[in-house]
């Protein structure tokens, strides 16, 4: 969602503000961002 919002923003100032707000919330309210992720390698049947 943040990438979509940044690419749709009207100018770089708006994009910078979106990013700054996201970073502040990620620190103050950790459940607003997730830095963990999953990668799967290889194949399995259903």
ModelCIF file with pLDDT and N, C-alpha, C, O atoms, coordinates in Angstrom:
data_MODEL
#
_entry.id   MODEL 
#
_entity.id                         1 
_entity.type                       polymer 
_entity.pdbx_number_of_molecules   1 
#
_entity_poly.entity_id                      1 
_entity_poly.type                           'polypeptide(L)' 
_entity_poly.nstd_linkage                   no 
_entity_poly.nstd_monomer                   no 
_entity_poly.pdbx_seq_one_letter_code       
;(UNK)(UNK)(UNK)(UNK)(UNK)(UNK)(UNK)(UNK)(UNK)(UNK)(UNK)(UNK)(UNK)(UNK)(UNK)(UNK)
(UNK)(UNK)(UNK)(UNK)(UNK)(UNK)(UNK)(UNK)(UNK)(UNK)(UNK)(UNK)(UNK)(UNK)(UNK)(UNK)
(UNK)(UNK)(UNK)(UNK)(UNK)(UNK)(UNK)(UNK)(UNK)(UNK)(UNK)(UNK)(UNK)(UNK)
;
_entity_poly.pdbx_seq_one_letter_code_can   XXXXXXXXXXXXXXXXXXXXXXXXXXXXXXXXXXXXXXXXXXXXXX 
_entity_poly.pdbx_strand_id                 A 
#
loop_
_entity_poly_seq.entity_id 
_entity_poly_seq.num 
_entity_poly_seq.mon_id 
_entity_poly_seq.hetero 
1 1  UNK n 
1 2  UNK n 
1 3  UNK n 
1 4  UNK n 
1 5  UNK n 
1 6  UNK n 
1 7  UNK n 
1 8  UNK n 
1 9  UNK n 
1 10 UNK n 
1 11 UNK n 
1 12 UNK n 
1 13 UNK n 
1 14 UNK n 
1 15 UNK n 
1 16 UNK n 
1 17 UNK n 
1 18 UNK n 
1 19 UNK n 
1 20 UNK n 
1 21 UNK n 
1 22 UNK n 
1 23 UNK n 
1 24 UNK n 
1 25 UNK n 
1 26 UNK n 
1 27 UNK n 
1 28 UNK n 
1 29 UNK n 
1 30 UNK n 
1 31 UNK n 
1 32 UNK n 
1 33 UNK n 
1 34 UNK n 
1 35 UNK n 
1 36 UNK n 
1 37 UNK n 
1 38 UNK n 
1 39 UNK n 
1 40 UNK n 
1 41 UNK n 
1 42 UNK n 
1 43 UNK n 
1 44 UNK n 
1 45 UNK n 
1 46 UNK n 
#
_struct_asym.id          A 
_struct_asym.entity_id   1 
#
loop_
_ma_qa_metric.id 
_ma_qa_metric.mode 
_ma_qa_metric.name 
_ma_qa_metric.software_group_id 
_ma_qa_metric.type 
1 global pLDDT . pLDDT 
2 local  pLDDT . pLDDT 
#
_ma_qa_metric_global.metric_id      1 
_ma_qa_metric_global.metric_value   91.48 
_ma_qa_metric_global.model_id       1 
_ma_qa_metric_global.ordinal_id     1 
#
loop_
_ma_qa_metric_local.label_asym_id 
_ma_qa_metric_local.label_comp_id 
_ma_qa_metric_local.label_seq_id 
_ma_qa_metric_local.metric_id 
_ma_qa_metric_local.metric_value 
_ma_qa_metric_local.model_id 
_ma_qa_metric_local.ordinal_id 
A UNK 1  2 97.00 1 1  
A UNK 2  2 98.00 1 2  
A UNK 3  2 98.00 1 3  
A UNK 4  2 98.00 1 4  
A UNK 5  2 98.00 1 5  
A UNK 6  2 97.00 1 6  
A UNK 7  2 96.00 1 7  
A UNK 8  2 96.00 1 8  
A UNK 9  2 97.00 1 9  
A UNK 10 2 93.00 1 10 
A UNK 11 2 95.00 1 11 
A UNK 12 2 96.00 1 12 
A UNK 13 2 97.00 1 13 
A UNK 14 2 98.00 1 14 
A UNK 15 2 98.00 1 15 
A UNK 16 2 98.00 1 16 
A UNK 17 2 98.00 1 17 
A UNK 18 2 98.00 1 18 
A UNK 19 2 98.00 1 19 
A UNK 20 2 98.00 1 20 
A UNK 21 2 98.00 1 21 
A UNK 22 2 98.00 1 22 
A UNK 23 2 98.00 1 23 
A UNK 24 2 97.00 1 24 
A UNK 25 2 97.00 1 25 
A UNK 26 2 97.00 1 26 
A UNK 27 2 96.00 1 27 
A UNK 28 2 95.00 1 28 
A UNK 29 2 94.00 1 29 
A UNK 30 2 93.00 1 30 
A UNK 31 2 91.00 1 31 
A UNK 32 2 93.00 1 32 
A UNK 33 2 95.00 1 33 
A UNK 34 2 96.00 1 34 
A UNK 35 2 97.00 1 35 
A UNK 36 2 98.00 1 36 
A UNK 37 2 98.00 1 37 
A UNK 38 2 97.00 1 38 
A UNK 39 2 96.00 1 39 
A UNK 40 2 95.00 1 40 
A UNK 41 2 94.00 1 41 
A UNK 42 2 85.00 1 42 
A UNK 43 2 59.00 1 43 
A UNK 44 2 42.00 1 44 
A UNK 45 2 34.00 1 45 
A UNK 46 2 33.00 1 46 
#
loop_
_atom_site.group_PDB 
_atom_site.id 
_atom_site.type_symbol 
_atom_site.label_atom_id 
_atom_site.label_alt_id 
_atom_site.label_comp_id 
_atom_site.label_asym_id 
_atom_site.label_entity_id 
_atom_site.label_seq_id 
_atom_site.pdbx_PDB_ins_code 
_atom_site.Cartn_x 
_atom_site.Cartn_y 
_atom_site.Cartn_z 
_atom_site.occupancy 
_atom_site.B_iso_or_equiv 
_atom_site.pdbx_formal_charge 
_atom_site.auth_seq_id 
_atom_site.auth_comp_id 
_atom_site.auth_asym_id 
_atom_site.auth_atom_id 
_atom_site.pdbx_PDB_model_num 
ATOM 1   N N  . UNK A 1 1  ? 0.813  -1.214  0.000  1.00 97.00 ? 1  UNK A N  1 
ATOM 2   C CA . UNK A 1 1  ? 0.000  0.000   0.000  1.00 97.00 ? 1  UNK A CA 1 
ATOM 3   C C  . UNK A 1 1  ? 0.848  1.266   0.000  1.00 97.00 ? 1  UNK A C  1 
ATOM 4   O O  . UNK A 1 1  ? 0.505  2.238   -0.673 1.00 97.00 ? 1  UNK A O  1 
ATOM 5   N N  . UNK A 1 2  ? 1.950  1.267   0.745  1.00 98.00 ? 2  UNK A N  1 
ATOM 6   C CA . UNK A 1 2  ? 2.776  2.474   0.771  1.00 98.00 ? 2  UNK A CA 1 
ATOM 7   C C  . UNK A 1 2  ? 3.390  2.734   -0.599 1.00 98.00 ? 2  UNK A C  1 
ATOM 8   O O  . UNK A 1 2  ? 3.453  3.885   -1.033 1.00 98.00 ? 2  UNK A O  1 
ATOM 9   N N  . UNK A 1 3  ? 3.839  1.696   -1.284 1.00 98.00 ? 3  UNK A N  1 
ATOM 10  C CA . UNK A 1 3  ? 4.414  1.877   -2.618 1.00 98.00 ? 3  UNK A CA 1 
ATOM 11  C C  . UNK A 1 3  ? 3.363  2.449   -3.573 1.00 98.00 ? 3  UNK A C  1 
ATOM 12  O O  . UNK A 1 3  ? 3.657  3.344   -4.364 1.00 98.00 ? 3  UNK A O  1 
ATOM 13  N N  . UNK A 1 4  ? 2.140  1.928   -3.493 1.00 98.00 ? 4  UNK A N  1 
ATOM 14  C CA . UNK A 1 4  ? 1.069  2.442   -4.347 1.00 98.00 ? 4  UNK A CA 1 
ATOM 15  C C  . UNK A 1 4  ? 0.786  3.908   -4.046 1.00 98.00 ? 4  UNK A C  1 
ATOM 16  O O  . UNK A 1 4  ? 0.587  4.707   -4.960 1.00 98.00 ? 4  UNK A O  1 
ATOM 17  N N  . UNK A 1 5  ? 0.769  4.262   -2.757 1.00 98.00 ? 5  UNK A N  1 
ATOM 18  C CA . UNK A 1 5  ? 0.494  5.652   -2.381 1.00 98.00 ? 5  UNK A CA 1 
ATOM 19  C C  . UNK A 1 5  ? 1.618  6.577   -2.828 1.00 98.00 ? 5  UNK A C  1 
ATOM 20  O O  . UNK A 1 5  ? 1.361  7.683   -3.302 1.00 98.00 ? 5  UNK A O  1 
ATOM 21  N N  . UNK A 1 6  ? 2.855  6.132   -2.680 1.00 97.00 ? 6  UNK A N  1 
ATOM 22  C CA . UNK A 1 6  ? 3.989  6.972   -3.059 1.00 97.00 ? 6  UNK A CA 1 
ATOM 23  C C  . UNK A 1 6  ? 4.018  7.193   -4.571 1.00 97.00 ? 6  UNK A C  1 
ATOM 24  O O  . UNK A 1 6  ? 4.219  8.318   -5.029 1.00 97.00 ? 6  UNK A O  1 
ATOM 25  N N  . UNK A 1 7  ? 3.821  6.140   -5.336 1.00 96.00 ? 7  UNK A N  1 
ATOM 26  C CA . UNK A 1 7  ? 3.872  6.301   -6.792 1.00 96.00 ? 7  UNK A CA 1 
ATOM 27  C C  . UNK A 1 7  ? 2.688  7.119   -7.313 1.00 96.00 ? 7  UNK A C  1 
ATOM 28  O O  . UNK A 1 7  ? 2.768  7.714   -8.388 1.00 96.00 ? 7  UNK A O  1 
ATOM 29  N N  . UNK A 1 8  ? 1.599  7.150   -6.559 1.00 96.00 ? 8  UNK A N  1 
ATOM 30  C CA . UNK A 1 8  ? 0.432  7.928   -6.990 1.00 96.00 ? 8  UNK A CA 1 
ATOM 31  C C  . UNK A 1 8  ? 0.465  9.370   -6.501 1.00 96.00 ? 8  UNK A C  1 
ATOM 32  O O  . UNK A 1 8  ? -0.321 10.194  -6.968 1.00 96.00 ? 8  UNK A O  1 
ATOM 33  N N  . UNK A 1 9  ? 1.364  9.691   -5.566 1.00 97.00 ? 9  UNK A N  1 
ATOM 34  C CA . UNK A 1 9  ? 1.400  11.034  -4.989 1.00 97.00 ? 9  UNK A CA 1 
ATOM 35  C C  . UNK A 1 9  ? 1.765  12.061  -6.054 1.00 97.00 ? 9  UNK A C  1 
ATOM 36  O O  . UNK A 1 9  ? 2.404  11.740  -7.056 1.00 97.00 ? 9  UNK A O  1 
ATOM 37  N N  . UNK A 1 10 ? 1.343  13.309  -5.815 1.00 93.00 ? 10 UNK A N  1 
ATOM 38  C CA . UNK A 1 10 ? 1.465  14.330  -6.859 1.00 93.00 ? 10 UNK A CA 1 
ATOM 39  C C  . UNK A 1 10 ? 2.871  14.882  -6.995 1.00 93.00 ? 10 UNK A C  1 
ATOM 40  O O  . UNK A 1 10 ? 3.232  15.361  -8.070 1.00 93.00 ? 10 UNK A O  1 
ATOM 41  N N  . UNK A 1 11 ? 3.689  14.831  -5.928 1.00 95.00 ? 11 UNK A N  1 
ATOM 42  C CA . UNK A 1 11 ? 5.048  15.359  -6.035 1.00 95.00 ? 11 UNK A CA 1 
ATOM 43  C C  . UNK A 1 11 ? 5.934  14.714  -4.978 1.00 95.00 ? 11 UNK A C  1 
ATOM 44  O O  . UNK A 1 11 ? 5.469  13.958  -4.125 1.00 95.00 ? 11 UNK A O  1 
ATOM 45  N N  . UNK A 1 12 ? 7.221  15.034  -5.058 1.00 96.00 ? 12 UNK A N  1 
ATOM 46  C CA . UNK A 1 12 ? 8.187  14.401  -4.162 1.00 96.00 ? 12 UNK A CA 1 
ATOM 47  C C  . UNK A 1 12 ? 7.990  14.825  -2.712 1.00 96.00 ? 12 UNK A C  1 
ATOM 48  O O  . UNK A 1 12 ? 8.264  14.038  -1.805 1.00 96.00 ? 12 UNK A O  1 
ATOM 49  N N  . UNK A 1 13 ? 7.528  16.035  -2.473 1.00 97.00 ? 13 UNK A N  1 
ATOM 50  C CA . UNK A 1 13 ? 7.277  16.462  -1.092 1.00 97.00 ? 13 UNK A CA 1 
ATOM 51  C C  . UNK A 1 13 ? 6.188  15.596  -0.467 1.00 97.00 ? 13 UNK A C  1 
ATOM 52  O O  . UNK A 1 13 ? 6.303  15.183  0.687  1.00 97.00 ? 13 UNK A O  1 
ATOM 53  N N  . UNK A 1 14 ? 5.136  15.324  -1.228 1.00 98.00 ? 14 UNK A N  1 
ATOM 54  C CA . UNK A 1 14 ? 4.059  14.469  -0.712 1.00 98.00 ? 14 UNK A CA 1 
ATOM 55  C C  . UNK A 1 14 ? 4.572  13.051  -0.483 1.00 98.00 ? 14 UNK A C  1 
ATOM 56  O O  . UNK A 1 14 ? 4.207  12.403  0.498  1.00 98.00 ? 14 UNK A O  1 
ATOM 57  N N  . UNK A 1 15 ? 5.415  12.577  -1.387 1.00 98.00 ? 15 UNK A N  1 
ATOM 58  C CA . UNK A 1 15 ? 5.973  11.227  -1.221 1.00 98.00 ? 15 UNK A CA 1 
ATOM 59  C C  . UNK A 1 15 ? 6.853  11.162  0.029  1.00 98.00 ? 15 UNK A C  1 
ATOM 60  O O  . UNK A 1 15 ? 6.787  10.198  0.791  1.00 98.00 ? 15 UNK A O  1 
ATOM 61  N N  . UNK A 1 16 ? 7.656  12.167  0.230  1.00 98.00 ? 16 UNK A N  1 
ATOM 62  C CA . UNK A 1 16 ? 8.535  12.185  1.406  1.00 98.00 ? 16 UNK A CA 1 
ATOM 63  C C  . UNK A 1 16 ? 7.725  12.207  2.692  1.00 98.00 ? 16 UNK A C  1 
ATOM 64  O O  . UNK A 1 16 ? 8.079  11.535  3.661  1.00 98.00 ? 16 UNK A O  1 
ATOM 65  N N  . UNK A 1 17 ? 6.647  12.970  2.708  1.00 98.00 ? 17 UNK A N  1 
ATOM 66  C CA . UNK A 1 17 ? 5.799  13.026  3.902  1.00 98.00 ? 17 UNK A CA 1 
ATOM 67  C C  . UNK A 1 17 ? 5.151  11.676  4.173  1.00 98.00 ? 17 UNK A C  1 
ATOM 68  O O  . UNK A 1 17 ? 5.058  11.258  5.327  1.00 98.00 ? 17 UNK A O  1 
ATOM 69  N N  . UNK A 1 18 ? 4.704  10.989  3.129  1.00 98.00 ? 18 UNK A N  1 
ATOM 70  C CA . UNK A 1 18 ? 4.118  9.650   3.303  1.00 98.00 ? 18 UNK A CA 1 
ATOM 71  C C  . UNK A 1 18 ? 5.135  8.691   3.905  1.00 98.00 ? 18 UNK A C  1 
ATOM 72  O O  . UNK A 1 18 ? 4.810  7.916   4.805  1.00 98.00 ? 18 UNK A O  1 
ATOM 73  N N  . UNK A 1 19 ? 6.349  8.743   3.414  1.00 98.00 ? 19 UNK A N  1 
ATOM 74  C CA . UNK A 1 19 ? 7.387  7.834   3.907  1.00 98.00 ? 19 UNK A CA 1 
ATOM 75  C C  . UNK A 1 19 ? 7.740  8.160   5.361  1.00 98.00 ? 19 UNK A C  1 
ATOM 76  O O  . UNK A 1 19 ? 7.876  7.253   6.181  1.00 98.00 ? 19 UNK A O  1 
ATOM 77  N N  . UNK A 1 20 ? 7.885  9.434   5.679  1.00 98.00 ? 20 UNK A N  1 
ATOM 78  C CA . UNK A 1 20 ? 8.205  9.829   7.052  1.00 98.00 ? 20 UNK A CA 1 
ATOM 79  C C  . UNK A 1 20 ? 7.109  9.394   8.026  1.00 98.00 ? 20 UNK A C  1 
ATOM 80  O O  . UNK A 1 20 ? 7.401  8.879   9.105  1.00 98.00 ? 20 UNK A O  1 
ATOM 81  N N  . UNK A 1 21 ? 5.862  9.600   7.645  1.00 98.00 ? 21 UNK A N  1 
ATOM 82  C CA . UNK A 1 21 ? 4.751  9.202   8.507  1.00 98.00 ? 21 UNK A CA 1 
ATOM 83  C C  . UNK A 1 21 ? 4.760  7.694   8.732  1.00 98.00 ? 21 UNK A C  1 
ATOM 84  O O  . UNK A 1 21 ? 4.535  7.221   9.846  1.00 98.00 ? 21 UNK A O  1 
ATOM 85  N N  . UNK A 1 22 ? 5.020  6.953   7.674  1.00 98.00 ? 22 UNK A N  1 
ATOM 86  C CA . UNK A 1 22 ? 5.062  5.487   7.788  1.00 98.00 ? 22 UNK A CA 1 
ATOM 87  C C  . UNK A 1 22 ? 6.164  5.053   8.752  1.00 98.00 ? 22 UNK A C  1 
ATOM 88  O O  . UNK A 1 22 ? 5.944  4.183   9.595  1.00 98.00 ? 22 UNK A O  1 
ATOM 89  N N  . UNK A 1 23 ? 7.342  5.650   8.633  1.00 98.00 ? 23 UNK A N  1 
ATOM 90  C CA . UNK A 1 23 ? 8.452  5.285   9.509  1.00 98.00 ? 23 UNK A CA 1 
ATOM 91  C C  . UNK A 1 23 ? 8.136  5.604   10.960 1.00 98.00 ? 23 UNK A C  1 
ATOM 92  O O  . UNK A 1 23 ? 8.429  4.800   11.844 1.00 98.00 ? 23 UNK A O  1 
ATOM 93  N N  . UNK A 1 24 ? 7.547  6.755   11.219 1.00 97.00 ? 24 UNK A N  1 
ATOM 94  C CA . UNK A 1 24 ? 7.192  7.126   12.590 1.00 97.00 ? 24 UNK A CA 1 
ATOM 95  C C  . UNK A 1 24 ? 6.189  6.137   13.178 1.00 97.00 ? 24 UNK A C  1 
ATOM 96  O O  . UNK A 1 24 ? 6.342  5.702   14.319 1.00 97.00 ? 24 UNK A O  1 
ATOM 97  N N  . UNK A 1 25 ? 5.159  5.779   12.402 1.00 97.00 ? 25 UNK A N  1 
ATOM 98  C CA . UNK A 1 25 ? 4.159  4.831   12.895 1.00 97.00 ? 25 UNK A CA 1 
ATOM 99  C C  . UNK A 1 25 ? 4.761  3.451   13.108 1.00 97.00 ? 25 UNK A C  1 
ATOM 100 O O  . UNK A 1 25 ? 4.422  2.775   14.079 1.00 97.00 ? 25 UNK A O  1 
ATOM 101 N N  . UNK A 1 26 ? 5.644  3.027   12.223 1.00 97.00 ? 26 UNK A N  1 
ATOM 102 C CA . UNK A 1 26 ? 6.260  1.707   12.360 1.00 97.00 ? 26 UNK A CA 1 
ATOM 103 C C  . UNK A 1 26 ? 7.027  1.588   13.661 1.00 97.00 ? 26 UNK A C  1 
ATOM 104 O O  . UNK A 1 26 ? 7.083  0.511   14.253 1.00 97.00 ? 26 UNK A O  1 
ATOM 105 N N  . UNK A 1 27 ? 7.621  2.691   14.113 1.00 96.00 ? 27 UNK A N  1 
ATOM 106 C CA . UNK A 1 27 ? 8.354  2.674   15.374 1.00 96.00 ? 27 UNK A CA 1 
ATOM 107 C C  . UNK A 1 27 ? 7.421  2.778   16.563 1.00 96.00 ? 27 UNK A C  1 
ATOM 108 O O  . UNK A 1 27 ? 7.583  2.054   17.545 1.00 96.00 ? 27 UNK A O  1 
ATOM 109 N N  . UNK A 1 28 ? 6.438  3.677   16.485 1.00 95.00 ? 28 UNK A N  1 
ATOM 110 C CA . UNK A 1 28 ? 5.543  3.923   17.623 1.00 95.00 ? 28 UNK A CA 1 
ATOM 111 C C  . UNK A 1 28 ? 4.464  2.861   17.756 1.00 95.00 ? 28 UNK A C  1 
ATOM 112 O O  . UNK A 1 28 ? 4.054  2.524   18.866 1.00 95.00 ? 28 UNK A O  1 
ATOM 113 N N  . UNK A 1 29 ? 3.999  2.328   16.620 1.00 94.00 ? 29 UNK A N  1 
ATOM 114 C CA . UNK A 1 29 ? 2.940  1.319   16.606 1.00 94.00 ? 29 UNK A CA 1 
ATOM 115 C C  . UNK A 1 29 ? 3.399  0.155   15.720 1.00 94.00 ? 29 UNK A C  1 
ATOM 116 O O  . UNK A 1 29 ? 3.053  0.111   14.539 1.00 94.00 ? 29 UNK A O  1 
ATOM 117 N N  . UNK A 1 30 ? 4.162  -0.772  16.263 1.00 93.00 ? 30 UNK A N  1 
ATOM 118 C CA . UNK A 1 30 ? 4.788  -1.813  15.435 1.00 93.00 ? 30 UNK A CA 1 
ATOM 119 C C  . UNK A 1 30 ? 3.821  -2.631  14.596 1.00 93.00 ? 30 UNK A C  1 
ATOM 120 O O  . UNK A 1 30 ? 4.210  -3.165  13.557 1.00 93.00 ? 30 UNK A O  1 
ATOM 121 N N  . UNK A 1 31 ? 2.560  -2.741  15.026 1.00 91.00 ? 31 UNK A N  1 
ATOM 122 C CA . UNK A 1 31 ? 1.630  -3.556  14.250 1.00 91.00 ? 31 UNK A CA 1 
ATOM 123 C C  . UNK A 1 31 ? 1.175  -2.870  12.961 1.00 91.00 ? 31 UNK A C  1 
ATOM 124 O O  . UNK A 1 31 ? 0.400  -3.453  12.203 1.00 91.00 ? 31 UNK A O  1 
ATOM 125 N N  . UNK A 1 32 ? 1.641  -1.636  12.694 1.00 93.00 ? 32 UNK A N  1 
ATOM 126 C CA . UNK A 1 32 ? 1.303  -0.968  11.439 1.00 93.00 ? 32 UNK A CA 1 
ATOM 127 C C  . UNK A 1 32 ? 2.270  -1.325  10.316 1.00 93.00 ? 32 UNK A C  1 
ATOM 128 O O  . UNK A 1 32 ? 2.038  -0.959  9.164  1.00 93.00 ? 32 UNK A O  1 
ATOM 129 N N  . UNK A 1 33 ? 3.343  -2.031  10.634 1.00 95.00 ? 33 UNK A N  1 
ATOM 130 C CA . UNK A 1 33 ? 4.317  -2.444  9.616  1.00 95.00 ? 33 UNK A CA 1 
ATOM 131 C C  . UNK A 1 33 ? 4.814  -3.834  9.957  1.00 95.00 ? 33 UNK A C  1 
ATOM 132 O O  . UNK A 1 33 ? 4.907  -4.201  11.128 1.00 95.00 ? 33 UNK A O  1 
ATOM 133 N N  . UNK A 1 34 ? 5.124  -4.586  8.952  1.00 96.00 ? 34 UNK A N  1 
ATOM 134 C CA . UNK A 1 34 ? 5.744  -5.898  9.185  1.00 96.00 ? 34 UNK A CA 1 
ATOM 135 C C  . UNK A 1 34 ? 6.987  -5.990  8.316  1.00 96.00 ? 34 UNK A C  1 
ATOM 136 O O  . UNK A 1 34 ? 6.916  -5.900  7.091  1.00 96.00 ? 34 UNK A O  1 
ATOM 137 N N  . UNK A 1 35 ? 8.132  -6.172  8.975  1.00 97.00 ? 35 UNK A N  1 
ATOM 138 C CA . UNK A 1 35 ? 9.398  -6.320  8.262  1.00 97.00 ? 35 UNK A CA 1 
ATOM 139 C C  . UNK A 1 35 ? 9.751  -7.793  8.031  1.00 97.00 ? 35 UNK A C  1 
ATOM 140 O O  . UNK A 1 35 ? 10.613 -8.095  7.207  1.00 97.00 ? 35 UNK A O  1 
ATOM 141 N N  . UNK A 1 36 ? 9.101  -8.702  8.741  1.00 98.00 ? 36 UNK A N  1 
ATOM 142 C CA . UNK A 1 36 ? 9.320  -10.136 8.530  1.00 98.00 ? 36 UNK A CA 1 
ATOM 143 C C  . UNK A 1 36 ? 8.716  -10.551 7.192  1.00 98.00 ? 36 UNK A C  1 
ATOM 144 O O  . UNK A 1 36 ? 7.821  -9.884  6.674  1.00 98.00 ? 36 UNK A O  1 
ATOM 145 N N  . UNK A 1 37 ? 9.208  -11.653 6.640  1.00 98.00 ? 37 UNK A N  1 
ATOM 146 C CA . UNK A 1 37 ? 8.698  -12.123 5.346  1.00 98.00 ? 37 UNK A CA 1 
ATOM 147 C C  . UNK A 1 37 ? 9.026  -13.601 5.167  1.00 98.00 ? 37 UNK A C  1 
ATOM 148 O O  . UNK A 1 37 ? 9.783  -14.184 5.945  1.00 98.00 ? 37 UNK A O  1 
ATOM 149 N N  . UNK A 1 38 ? 8.446  -14.192 4.135  1.00 97.00 ? 38 UNK A N  1 
ATOM 150 C CA . UNK A 1 38 ? 8.625  -15.607 3.818  1.00 97.00 ? 38 UNK A CA 1 
ATOM 151 C C  . UNK A 1 38 ? 9.122  -15.747 2.388  1.00 97.00 ? 38 UNK A C  1 
ATOM 152 O O  . UNK A 1 38 ? 8.673  -15.030 1.493  1.00 97.00 ? 38 UNK A O  1 
ATOM 153 N N  . UNK A 1 39 ? 10.043 -16.666 2.178  1.00 96.00 ? 39 UNK A N  1 
ATOM 154 C CA . UNK A 1 39 ? 10.444 -17.045 0.828  1.00 96.00 ? 39 UNK A CA 1 
ATOM 155 C C  . UNK A 1 39 ? 10.366 -18.561 0.712  1.00 96.00 ? 39 UNK A C  1 
ATOM 156 O O  . UNK A 1 39 ? 10.860 -19.278 1.583  1.00 96.00 ? 39 UNK A O  1 
ATOM 157 N N  . UNK A 1 40 ? 9.754  -19.049 -0.345 1.00 95.00 ? 40 UNK A N  1 
ATOM 158 C CA . UNK A 1 40 ? 9.674  -20.486 -0.609 1.00 95.00 ? 40 UNK A CA 1 
ATOM 159 C C  . UNK A 1 40 ? 10.524 -20.819 -1.825 1.00 95.00 ? 40 UNK A C  1 
ATOM 160 O O  . UNK A 1 40 ? 10.473 -20.130 -2.845 1.00 95.00 ? 40 UNK A O  1 
ATOM 161 N N  . UNK A 1 41 ? 11.304 -21.881 -1.702 1.00 94.00 ? 41 UNK A N  1 
ATOM 162 C CA . UNK A 1 41 ? 12.168 -22.349 -2.776 1.00 94.00 ? 41 UNK A CA 1 
ATOM 163 C C  . UNK A 1 41 ? 11.812 -23.798 -3.088 1.00 94.00 ? 41 UNK A C  1 
ATOM 164 O O  . UNK A 1 41 ? 11.564 -24.581 -2.172 1.00 94.00 ? 41 UNK A O  1 
ATOM 165 N N  . UNK A 1 42 ? 11.785 -24.163 -4.360 1.00 85.00 ? 42 UNK A N  1 
ATOM 166 C CA . UNK A 1 42 ? 11.400 -25.520 -4.723 1.00 85.00 ? 42 UNK A CA 1 
ATOM 167 C C  . UNK A 1 42 ? 9.901  -25.620 -4.868 1.00 85.00 ? 42 UNK A C  1 
ATOM 168 O O  . UNK A 1 42 ? 9.185  -24.628 -4.729 1.00 85.00 ? 42 UNK A O  1 
ATOM 169 N N  . UNK A 1 43 ? 9.420  -26.839 -5.153 1.00 59.00 ? 43 UNK A N  1 
ATOM 170 C CA . UNK A 1 43 ? 7.988  -27.026 -5.440 1.00 59.00 ? 43 UNK A CA 1 
ATOM 171 C C  . UNK A 1 43 ? 7.421  -28.144 -4.586 1.00 59.00 ? 43 UNK A C  1 
ATOM 172 O O  . UNK A 1 43 ? 8.108  -29.116 -4.270 1.00 59.00 ? 43 UNK A O  1 
ATOM 173 N N  . UNK A 1 44 ? 6.173  -27.993 -4.224 1.00 42.00 ? 44 UNK A N  1 
ATOM 174 C CA . UNK A 1 44 ? 5.437  -29.060 -3.546 1.00 42.00 ? 44 UNK A CA 1 
ATOM 175 C C  . UNK A 1 44 ? 4.102  -29.237 -4.237 1.00 42.00 ? 44 UNK A C  1 
ATOM 176 O O  . UNK A 1 44 ? 3.563  -28.302 -4.828 1.00 42.00 ? 44 UNK A O  1 
ATOM 177 N N  . UNK A 1 45 ? 3.572  -30.457 -4.156 1.00 34.00 ? 45 UNK A N  1 
ATOM 178 C CA . UNK A 1 45 ? 2.242  -30.713 -4.704 1.00 34.00 ? 45 UNK A CA 1 
ATOM 179 C C  . UNK A 1 45 ? 1.185  -30.176 -3.761 1.00 34.00 ? 45 UNK A C  1 
ATOM 180 O O  . UNK A 1 45 ? 1.475  -29.861 -2.607 1.00 34.00 ? 45 UNK A O  1 
ATOM 181 N N  . UNK A 1 46 ? -0.042 -30.074 -4.250 1.00 33.00 ? 46 UNK A N  1 
ATOM 182 C CA . UNK A 1 46 ? -1.107 -29.499 -3.431 1.00 33.00 ? 46 UNK A CA 1 
ATOM 183 C C  . UNK A 1 46 ? -1.426 -30.366 -2.220 1.00 33.00 ? 46 UNK A C  1 
ATOM 184 O O  . UNK A 1 46 ? -2.302 -30.020 -1.428 1.00 33.00 ? 46 UNK A O  1 
#
